[in-house]
Amino acid sequence: MTGASSLRDLDVLTLGIGGEIFAVEAAAVREILDL
């Protein structure tokens, strides 16, 4: 899937900021999209 690395970079960014809830949601989205 295109954009998989972008999502991963976004996860790192949100975790760095402390957006734990968003990171969990992003993980759920990755599972749904089977990335």
C-alpha atoms as a PDB file:
ATOM      1  CA  MET A   1       0.000   0.000   0.000  1.00  0.00           C
ATOM      2  CA  THR A   2       1.270   3.426  -0.827  1.00  0.00           C
ATOM      3  CA  GLY A   3       1.538   5.691   2.183  1.00  0.00           C
ATOM      4  CA  ALA A   4       2.423   2.900   4.624  1.00  0.00           C
ATOM      5  CA  SER A   5       5.776   4.525   5.386  1.00  0.00           C
ATOM      6  CA  SER A   6       4.018   7.874   5.763  1.00  0.00           C
ATOM      7  CA  LEU A   7       1.697   6.389   8.392  1.00  0.00           C
ATOM      8  CA  ARG A   8       4.696   4.923  10.175  1.00  0.00           C
ATOM      9  CA  ASP A   9       6.437   8.322  10.170  1.00  0.00           C
ATOM     10  CA  LEU A  10       3.225   9.898  11.451  1.00  0.00           C
ATOM     11  CA  ASP A  11       3.108   7.346  14.287  1.00  0.00           C
ATOM     12  CA  VAL A  12       6.664   8.269  15.279  1.00  0.00           C
ATOM     13  CA  LEU A  13       5.756  11.955  15.168  1.00  0.00           C
ATOM     14  CA  THR A  14       2.612  11.572  17.274  1.00  0.00           C
ATOM     15  CA  LEU A  15       4.415   9.348  19.782  1.00  0.00           C
ATOM     16  CA  GLY A  16       7.162  11.946  20.055  1.00  0.00           C
ATOM     17  CA  ILE A  17       4.539  14.612  20.780  1.00  0.00           C
ATOM     18  CA  GLY A  18       2.774  12.296  23.223  1.00  0.00           C
ATOM     19  CA  GLY A  19      -0.319  11.540  21.127  1.00  0.00           C
ATOM     20  CA  GLU A  20      -0.738   8.052  22.518  1.00  0.00           C
ATOM     21  CA  ILE A  21      -4.468   7.854  21.731  1.00  0.00           C
ATOM     22  CA  PHE A  22      -3.892   8.842  18.094  1.00  0.00           C
ATOM     23  CA  ALA A  23      -1.082   6.298  17.794  1.00  0.00           C
ATOM     24  CA  VAL A  24      -3.446   3.575  19.017  1.00  0.00           C
ATOM     25  CA  GLU A  25      -6.069   4.681  16.493  1.00  0.00           C
ATOM     26  CA  ALA A  26      -3.463   4.654  13.714  1.00  0.00           C
ATOM     27  CA  ALA A  27      -2.501   1.098  14.714  1.00  0.00           C
ATOM     28  CA  ALA A  28      -6.163   0.084  14.456  1.00  0.00           C
ATOM     29  CA  VAL A  29      -6.387   1.677  11.002  1.00  0.00           C
ATOM     30  CA  ARG A  30      -3.292  -0.265   9.895  1.00  0.00           C
ATOM     31  CA  GLU A  31      -4.903  -3.502  11.049  1.00  0.00           C
ATOM     32  CA  ILE A  32      -8.082  -2.675   9.120  1.00  0.00           C
ATOM     33  CA  LEU A  33      -6.074  -1.859   5.983  1.00  0.00           C
ATOM     34  CA  ASP A  34      -3.811  -4.882   6.613  1.00  0.00           C
ATOM     35  CA  LEU A  35      -0.620  -2.855   6.192  1.00  0.00           C
END
